[in-house]
C-alpha atoms as a PDB file:
ATOM      1  CA  UNK A   1      -6.771  -2.520 -18.816  1.00  0.00           C
ATOM      2  CA  UNK A   2      -3.741  -2.022 -16.602  1.00  0.00           C
ATOM      3  CA  UNK A   3      -0.612  -3.981 -17.296  1.00  0.00           C
ATOM      4  CA  UNK A   4       0.774  -5.592 -14.165  1.00  0.00           C
ATOM      5  CA  UNK A   5       4.436  -5.545 -13.196  1.00  0.00           C
ATOM      6  CA  UNK A   6       4.477  -9.312 -13.653  1.00  0.00           C
ATOM      7  CA  UNK A   7       3.078  -9.075 -17.182  1.00  0.00           C
ATOM      8  CA  UNK A   8       5.544  -6.320 -18.069  1.00  0.00           C
ATOM      9  CA  UNK A   9       8.442  -8.496 -16.910  1.00  0.00           C
ATOM     10  CA  UNK A  10       7.126 -11.444 -18.925  1.00  0.00           C
ATOM     11  CA  UNK A  11       7.099  -9.183 -21.991  1.00  0.00           C
ATOM     12  CA  UNK A  12      10.614  -7.877 -21.307  1.00  0.00           C
ATOM     13  CA  UNK A  13       9.573  -4.338 -20.259  1.00  0.00           C
ATOM     14  CA  UNK A  14      12.089  -3.962 -17.443  1.00  0.00           C
ATOM     15  CA  UNK A  15      11.505  -0.209 -17.028  1.00  0.00           C
ATOM     16  CA  UNK A  16       7.722  -0.507 -16.574  1.00  0.00           C
ATOM     17  CA  UNK A  17       6.176   1.970 -14.149  1.00  0.00           C
ATOM     18  CA  UNK A  18       2.538   1.231 -13.250  1.00  0.00           C
ATOM     19  CA  UNK A  19       0.078   4.089 -13.399  1.00  0.00           C
ATOM     20  CA  UNK A  20      -0.841   5.782 -10.144  1.00  0.00           C
ATOM     21  CA  UNK A  21      -3.971   4.330  -8.577  1.00  0.00           C
ATOM     22  CA  UNK A  22      -5.903   6.295  -5.957  1.00  0.00           C
ATOM     23  CA  UNK A  23      -6.916   4.536  -2.751  1.00  0.00           C
ATOM     24  CA  UNK A  24     -10.614   4.856  -3.581  1.00  0.00           C
ATOM     25  CA  UNK A  25     -10.135   2.952  -6.856  1.00  0.00           C
ATOM     26  CA  UNK A  26      -9.522  -0.417  -5.149  1.00  0.00           C
ATOM     27  CA  UNK A  27     -10.724  -2.047  -1.954  1.00  0.00           C
ATOM     28  CA  UNK A  28      -8.896  -2.485   1.317  1.00  0.00           C
ATOM     29  CA  UNK A  29      -8.918  -5.852   3.087  1.00  0.00           C
ATOM     30  CA  UNK A  30      -9.707  -6.989   6.621  1.00  0.00           C
ATOM     31  CA  UNK A  31      -7.446 -10.046   6.189  1.00  0.00           C
ATOM     32  CA  UNK A  32      -4.850 -10.439   8.916  1.00  0.00           C
ATOM     33  CA  UNK A  33      -1.248  -9.684   7.913  1.00  0.00           C
ATOM     34  CA  UNK A  34       0.553 -12.896   6.980  1.00  0.00           C
ATOM     35  CA  UNK A  35      -2.662 -14.887   6.605  1.00  0.00           C
ATOM     36  CA  UNK A  36      -3.452 -16.954   3.526  1.00  0.00           C
ATOM     37  CA  UNK A  37      -6.281 -14.519   2.742  1.00  0.00           C
ATOM     38  CA  UNK A  38      -3.915 -11.511   2.863  1.00  0.00           C
ATOM     39  CA  UNK A  39      -1.305 -13.235   0.699  1.00  0.00           C
ATOM     40  CA  UNK A  40      -4.043 -14.120  -1.813  1.00  0.00           C
ATOM     41  CA  UNK A  41      -5.210 -10.487  -1.830  1.00  0.00           C
ATOM     42  CA  UNK A  42      -1.655  -9.256  -2.449  1.00  0.00           C
ATOM     43  CA  UNK A  43      -1.254 -11.754  -5.308  1.00  0.00           C
ATOM     44  CA  UNK A  44      -4.517 -10.571  -6.877  1.00  0.00           C
ATOM     45  CA  UNK A  45      -3.476  -6.930  -6.576  1.00  0.00           C
ATOM     46  CA  UNK A  46      -0.118  -7.664  -8.200  1.00  0.00           C
ATOM     47  CA  UNK A  47      -1.824  -9.593 -10.987  1.00  0.00           C
ATOM     48  CA  UNK A  48      -4.289  -6.736 -11.551  1.00  0.00           C
ATOM     49  CA  UNK A  49      -1.559  -4.099 -11.649  1.00  0.00           C
ATOM     50  CA  UNK A  50      -2.713  -2.480  -8.399  1.00  0.00           C
ATOM     51  CA  UNK A  51      -0.580  -1.253  -5.515  1.00  0.00           C
ATOM     52  CA  UNK A  52       0.116  -4.027  -3.013  1.00  0.00           C
ATOM     53  CA  UNK A  53      -0.670  -1.905   0.024  1.00  0.00           C
ATOM     54  CA  UNK A  54      -3.847   0.053   0.758  1.00  0.00           C
ATOM     55  CA  UNK A  55      -3.900   2.513   3.683  1.00  0.00           C
ATOM     56  CA  UNK A  56      -7.165   0.942   4.863  1.00  0.00           C
ATOM     57  CA  UNK A  57      -5.775  -2.599   5.055  1.00  0.00           C
ATOM     58  CA  UNK A  58      -5.872  -4.261   8.435  1.00  0.00           C
ATOM     59  CA  UNK A  59      -2.444  -3.978  10.086  1.00  0.00           C
ATOM     60  CA  UNK A  60      -2.799  -5.974  13.291  1.00  0.00           C
ATOM     61  CA  UNK A  61      -5.022  -8.438  15.148  1.00  0.00           C
ATOM     62  CA  UNK A  62      -6.443  -5.597  17.237  1.00  0.00           C
ATOM     63  CA  UNK A  63      -6.586  -2.897  14.561  1.00  0.00           C
ATOM     64  CA  UNK A  64      -7.648  -0.101  16.895  1.00  0.00           C
ATOM     65  CA  UNK A  65      -5.915   3.246  17.106  1.00  0.00           C
ATOM     66  CA  UNK A  66      -4.424   2.325  20.508  1.00  0.00           C
ATOM     67  CA  UNK A  67      -2.967  -0.946  19.169  1.00  0.00           C
ATOM     68  CA  UNK A  68      -1.250   0.890  16.325  1.00  0.00           C
ATOM     69  CA  UNK A  69       0.575   3.406  18.544  1.00  0.00           C
END
């Protein structure tokens, strides 16, 4: 099981570096940035020792290629 950054800090491991996790090893989210659902997802990722950001996460209300330009 991965150790999260938060757990490492609790245990006094200040130089903890989480293992690299590939994008296909955890799910992206459709939650809107800043929403309660997105903040909950980020908290769960941190708790699970996963990267906070996934390239497939929704980035805007209208998450189309044109909106992201």
